[in-house]
Structures are given as C-alpha cells and as structure tokens.
C-alpha cells in the first residue's frame, strides 16, 4: 500500500494515472472541506487539477452525487478522454 500525507492526513493512493500526484499542489488545494469524504478524486484539465470528494456507500454522509460507486460515470461524463487523474483514500 502506497500512501501520501497531505496536511497531516494519510491517504492511500488507489490510482495515479499519468503519475500526476503533486503533494505540494494538493497541500494547497485540499482544504477542510474534504475532511468529511472518504476519497478524493482529482483530474487535470488545461494543466489545472479539479478535485471531487466521494464517500463509501455505507457512509451515512454518502448520497447519489458523492457515492464512490458513481466515480466511473463521473469520469466518463465529466473528464476529458485520457486526462491524467488520481484517486486517494483516507487511511483510518
């Protein structure tokens, strides 16, 4: 299991397509807003990272738009084809 620490929180790297994880950039972008999410997905468009939080299906904070089961649909519908992307999961 490969992990990364960002702002004092450890995350497991689930995927890192295009070797695009930049710890310094993510330290600036990942704010307390993401504290309530189990996962953070990031994709790059026009050399800028976009972040979206997701939860496990059994998390009481999960809903239709942030259930991790919908990630593939999000990638297919909202990400550029072949865009660099990553998924990290908060280590409990």
N, C-alpha and C. Protein backbone atom coordinates (compact mmCIF):
# COMPACT_ATOMS: atom_id res chain seq x y z
N UNK A 1 0.85 -1.18 0.00
CA UNK A 1 0.00 0.00 0.00
C UNK A 1 0.89 1.24 0.00
N UNK A 2 0.74 2.05 -1.02
CA UNK A 2 1.49 3.29 -1.10
C UNK A 2 0.63 4.41 -0.53
N UNK A 3 1.23 5.21 0.35
CA UNK A 3 0.49 6.29 0.99
C UNK A 3 1.17 7.63 0.77
N UNK A 4 0.40 8.67 1.02
CA UNK A 4 0.90 10.03 0.94
C UNK A 4 0.27 10.81 2.08
N UNK A 5 1.03 11.69 2.72
CA UNK A 5 0.48 12.52 3.78
C UNK A 5 0.27 13.92 3.23
N UNK A 6 -0.96 14.41 3.40
CA UNK A 6 -1.31 15.76 2.94
C UNK A 6 -1.99 16.48 4.09
N UNK A 7 -1.42 17.58 4.50
CA UNK A 7 -1.97 18.40 5.59
C UNK A 7 -2.24 17.57 6.85
N UNK A 8 -1.34 16.66 7.18
CA UNK A 8 -1.45 15.88 8.39
C UNK A 8 -2.37 14.67 8.31
N UNK A 9 -2.94 14.41 7.12
CA UNK A 9 -3.85 13.28 6.94
C UNK A 9 -3.18 12.30 5.97
N UNK A 10 -3.20 11.02 6.33
CA UNK A 10 -2.63 9.98 5.47
C UNK A 10 -3.69 9.47 4.51
N UNK A 11 -3.29 9.32 3.25
CA UNK A 11 -4.15 8.79 2.20
C UNK A 11 -3.45 7.63 1.51
N UNK A 12 -4.23 6.61 1.19
CA UNK A 12 -3.74 5.52 0.37
C UNK A 12 -3.93 5.92 -1.08
N UNK A 13 -2.92 5.71 -1.91
CA UNK A 13 -3.03 6.02 -3.33
C UNK A 13 -3.66 4.81 -4.00
N UNK A 14 -4.91 4.97 -4.46
CA UNK A 14 -5.64 3.90 -5.13
C UNK A 14 -5.26 3.85 -6.60
N UNK A 15 -5.22 5.01 -7.24
CA UNK A 15 -4.75 5.07 -8.63
C UNK A 15 -4.08 6.41 -8.87
N UNK A 16 -3.15 6.41 -9.82
CA UNK A 16 -2.37 7.60 -10.14
C UNK A 16 -2.02 7.55 -11.63
N UNK A 17 -3.04 7.68 -12.47
CA UNK A 17 -2.85 7.57 -13.92
C UNK A 17 -2.11 8.80 -14.44
N UNK A 18 -1.00 8.55 -15.09
CA UNK A 18 -0.19 9.63 -15.61
C UNK A 18 0.79 10.17 -14.58
N UNK A 19 0.95 9.44 -13.46
CA UNK A 19 1.88 9.85 -12.39
C UNK A 19 1.72 11.34 -12.09
N UNK A 20 0.49 11.73 -11.77
CA UNK A 20 0.16 13.15 -11.69
C UNK A 20 0.02 13.72 -10.28
N UNK A 21 0.18 12.89 -9.25
CA UNK A 21 0.03 13.42 -7.89
C UNK A 21 1.19 14.34 -7.55
N UNK A 22 0.84 15.56 -7.17
CA UNK A 22 1.82 16.58 -6.78
C UNK A 22 1.48 17.00 -5.35
N UNK A 23 2.25 16.52 -4.40
CA UNK A 23 1.96 16.74 -2.98
C UNK A 23 1.87 18.22 -2.62
N UNK A 24 2.75 19.03 -3.15
CA UNK A 24 2.75 20.45 -2.82
C UNK A 24 1.47 21.12 -3.32
N UNK A 25 1.08 20.81 -4.55
CA UNK A 25 -0.14 21.39 -5.11
C UNK A 25 -1.37 20.94 -4.33
N UNK A 26 -1.41 19.64 -3.98
CA UNK A 26 -2.56 19.13 -3.24
C UNK A 26 -2.63 19.71 -1.83
N UNK A 27 -1.50 20.00 -1.22
CA UNK A 27 -1.49 20.61 0.11
C UNK A 27 -2.19 21.96 0.09
N UNK A 28 -2.11 22.66 -1.02
CA UNK A 28 -2.77 23.96 -1.16
C UNK A 28 -4.26 23.80 -1.49
N UNK A 29 -4.60 22.76 -2.23
CA UNK A 29 -5.97 22.58 -2.74
C UNK A 29 -6.90 21.81 -1.82
N UNK A 30 -6.34 20.87 -1.07
CA UNK A 30 -7.18 20.05 -0.19
C UNK A 30 -7.38 20.79 1.12
N UNK A 31 -8.58 21.32 1.29
CA UNK A 31 -8.92 22.10 2.47
C UNK A 31 -9.78 21.26 3.41
N UNK A 32 -10.22 21.87 4.50
CA UNK A 32 -11.07 21.17 5.46
C UNK A 32 -12.40 20.73 4.85
N UNK A 33 -12.77 21.30 3.71
CA UNK A 33 -13.98 20.87 3.00
C UNK A 33 -13.95 19.36 2.74
N UNK A 34 -12.78 18.84 2.45
CA UNK A 34 -12.63 17.42 2.11
C UNK A 34 -12.53 16.50 3.33
N UNK A 35 -12.54 17.04 4.54
CA UNK A 35 -12.41 16.23 5.75
C UNK A 35 -13.53 15.20 5.89
N UNK A 36 -14.71 15.48 5.38
CA UNK A 36 -15.86 14.58 5.54
C UNK A 36 -15.97 13.52 4.45
N UNK A 37 -15.00 13.47 3.55
CA UNK A 37 -15.04 12.49 2.46
C UNK A 37 -14.04 11.37 2.71
N UNK A 38 -14.42 10.16 2.26
CA UNK A 38 -13.52 9.00 2.37
C UNK A 38 -12.47 9.00 1.27
N UNK A 39 -12.82 9.54 0.10
CA UNK A 39 -11.95 9.55 -1.07
C UNK A 39 -11.86 10.95 -1.65
N UNK A 40 -10.76 11.21 -2.33
CA UNK A 40 -10.63 12.42 -3.14
C UNK A 40 -10.17 11.99 -4.52
N UNK A 41 -10.94 12.40 -5.52
CA UNK A 41 -10.59 12.14 -6.92
C UNK A 41 -10.11 13.45 -7.51
N UNK A 42 -9.06 13.38 -8.30
CA UNK A 42 -8.55 14.57 -8.97
C UNK A 42 -8.27 14.27 -10.43
N UNK A 43 -8.61 15.24 -11.29
CA UNK A 43 -8.27 15.10 -12.70
C UNK A 43 -7.72 16.44 -13.18
N UNK A 44 -6.93 16.35 -14.24
CA UNK A 44 -6.28 17.53 -14.78
C UNK A 44 -6.90 17.93 -16.11
N UNK A 45 -7.30 19.19 -16.18
CA UNK A 45 -7.81 19.78 -17.41
C UNK A 45 -7.10 21.11 -17.58
N UNK A 46 -6.51 21.31 -18.72
CA UNK A 46 -5.78 22.55 -19.00
C UNK A 46 -4.73 22.84 -17.93
N UNK A 47 -4.03 21.77 -17.51
CA UNK A 47 -2.93 21.84 -16.54
C UNK A 47 -3.36 22.28 -15.15
N UNK A 48 -4.67 22.22 -14.87
CA UNK A 48 -5.18 22.56 -13.54
C UNK A 48 -5.89 21.35 -12.97
N UNK A 49 -5.71 21.13 -11.69
CA UNK A 49 -6.34 19.98 -11.03
C UNK A 49 -7.75 20.36 -10.56
N UNK A 50 -8.69 19.45 -10.79
CA UNK A 50 -10.05 19.57 -10.25
C UNK A 50 -10.21 18.45 -9.24
N UNK A 51 -10.78 18.77 -8.09
CA UNK A 51 -10.95 17.78 -7.03
C UNK A 51 -12.42 17.54 -6.75
N UNK A 52 -12.75 16.30 -6.40
CA UNK A 52 -14.12 15.94 -6.04
C UNK A 52 -14.04 14.90 -4.93
N UNK A 53 -14.85 15.09 -3.90
CA UNK A 53 -14.88 14.17 -2.77
C UNK A 53 -15.93 13.08 -2.96
N UNK A 54 -15.61 11.89 -2.48
CA UNK A 54 -16.52 10.74 -2.54
C UNK A 54 -16.54 10.03 -1.20
N UNK A 55 -17.64 9.33 -0.95
CA UNK A 55 -17.78 8.53 0.27
C UNK A 55 -18.08 7.08 -0.08
N UNK A 56 -17.75 6.19 0.87
CA UNK A 56 -18.16 4.80 0.76
C UNK A 56 -19.68 4.75 0.76
N UNK A 57 -20.24 3.77 0.09
CA UNK A 57 -21.70 3.65 0.01
C UNK A 57 -22.35 3.51 1.38
N UNK A 58 -21.65 2.90 2.32
CA UNK A 58 -22.23 2.70 3.65
C UNK A 58 -22.01 3.88 4.60
N UNK A 59 -21.35 4.92 4.14
CA UNK A 59 -21.13 6.11 4.95
C UNK A 59 -22.45 6.89 5.00
N UNK A 60 -22.87 7.29 6.19
CA UNK A 60 -24.16 7.98 6.32
C UNK A 60 -24.16 9.33 5.61
N UNK A 61 -22.99 9.84 5.26
CA UNK A 61 -22.91 11.12 4.53
C UNK A 61 -22.93 10.91 3.01
N UNK A 62 -22.96 9.66 2.58
CA UNK A 62 -22.99 9.37 1.14
C UNK A 62 -24.36 9.72 0.56
N UNK A 63 -24.35 10.25 -0.65
CA UNK A 63 -25.58 10.47 -1.39
C UNK A 63 -25.31 10.18 -2.86
N UNK A 64 -26.27 10.40 -3.70
CA UNK A 64 -26.17 10.00 -5.10
C UNK A 64 -24.97 10.63 -5.81
N UNK A 65 -24.65 11.87 -5.51
CA UNK A 65 -23.57 12.53 -6.25
C UNK A 65 -22.18 12.30 -5.68
N UNK A 66 -22.08 11.78 -4.45
CA UNK A 66 -20.74 11.55 -3.90
C UNK A 66 -20.50 10.11 -3.46
N UNK A 67 -21.32 9.19 -3.93
CA UNK A 67 -21.12 7.76 -3.66
C UNK A 67 -20.00 7.26 -4.57
N UNK A 68 -19.01 6.61 -4.00
CA UNK A 68 -17.86 6.15 -4.77
C UNK A 68 -18.27 5.25 -5.94
N UNK A 69 -19.43 4.61 -5.84
CA UNK A 69 -19.91 3.77 -6.94
C UNK A 69 -20.21 4.57 -8.21
N UNK A 70 -20.35 5.89 -8.10
CA UNK A 70 -20.65 6.73 -9.27
C UNK A 70 -19.39 7.32 -9.91
N UNK A 71 -18.23 6.97 -9.40
CA UNK A 71 -16.98 7.55 -9.92
C UNK A 71 -16.77 7.27 -11.41
N UNK A 72 -17.01 6.04 -11.84
CA UNK A 72 -16.80 5.72 -13.26
C UNK A 72 -17.71 6.55 -14.17
N UNK A 73 -18.93 6.79 -13.74
CA UNK A 73 -19.85 7.63 -14.52
C UNK A 73 -19.32 9.06 -14.58
N UNK A 74 -18.80 9.57 -13.47
CA UNK A 74 -18.24 10.91 -13.44
C UNK A 74 -17.07 11.03 -14.41
N UNK A 75 -16.19 10.05 -14.39
CA UNK A 75 -15.03 10.07 -15.28
C UNK A 75 -15.49 10.05 -16.74
N UNK A 76 -16.45 9.19 -17.06
CA UNK A 76 -16.94 9.07 -18.43
C UNK A 76 -17.64 10.34 -18.92
N UNK A 77 -18.35 11.01 -18.04
CA UNK A 77 -19.17 12.15 -18.46
C UNK A 77 -18.55 13.52 -18.24
N UNK A 78 -17.60 13.65 -17.34
CA UNK A 78 -17.10 14.97 -16.99
C UNK A 78 -15.60 15.17 -17.13
N UNK A 79 -14.87 14.12 -17.43
CA UNK A 79 -13.42 14.23 -17.58
C UNK A 79 -13.03 14.08 -19.05
N UNK A 80 -12.01 14.79 -19.44
CA UNK A 80 -11.51 14.67 -20.81
C UNK A 80 -10.93 13.28 -21.02
N UNK A 81 -11.13 12.75 -22.21
CA UNK A 81 -10.61 11.42 -22.54
C UNK A 81 -9.10 11.42 -22.37
N UNK A 82 -8.60 10.45 -21.63
CA UNK A 82 -7.16 10.30 -21.44
C UNK A 82 -6.54 11.28 -20.46
N UNK A 83 -7.37 12.04 -19.74
CA UNK A 83 -6.84 13.02 -18.79
C UNK A 83 -6.12 12.31 -17.64
N UNK A 84 -5.07 12.91 -17.18
CA UNK A 84 -4.38 12.40 -16.00
C UNK A 84 -5.33 12.51 -14.82
N UNK A 85 -5.34 11.48 -13.97
CA UNK A 85 -6.22 11.52 -12.81
C UNK A 85 -5.70 10.63 -11.71
N UNK A 86 -6.24 10.84 -10.52
CA UNK A 86 -5.83 10.03 -9.37
C UNK A 86 -7.00 9.86 -8.42
N UNK A 87 -6.88 8.85 -7.58
CA UNK A 87 -7.85 8.60 -6.53
C UNK A 87 -7.07 8.24 -5.27
N UNK A 88 -7.35 8.98 -4.20
CA UNK A 88 -6.74 8.68 -2.91
C UNK A 88 -7.83 8.43 -1.89
N UNK A 89 -7.52 7.57 -0.91
CA UNK A 89 -8.49 7.18 0.11
C UNK A 89 -7.90 7.49 1.48
N UNK A 90 -8.70 8.13 2.30
CA UNK A 90 -8.27 8.47 3.65
C UNK A 90 -7.99 7.19 4.44
N UNK A 91 -6.84 7.13 5.09
CA UNK A 91 -6.46 5.99 5.92
C UNK A 91 -7.03 6.25 7.30
N UNK A 92 -7.83 5.31 7.78
CA UNK A 92 -8.47 5.49 9.10
C UNK A 92 -7.58 4.99 10.20
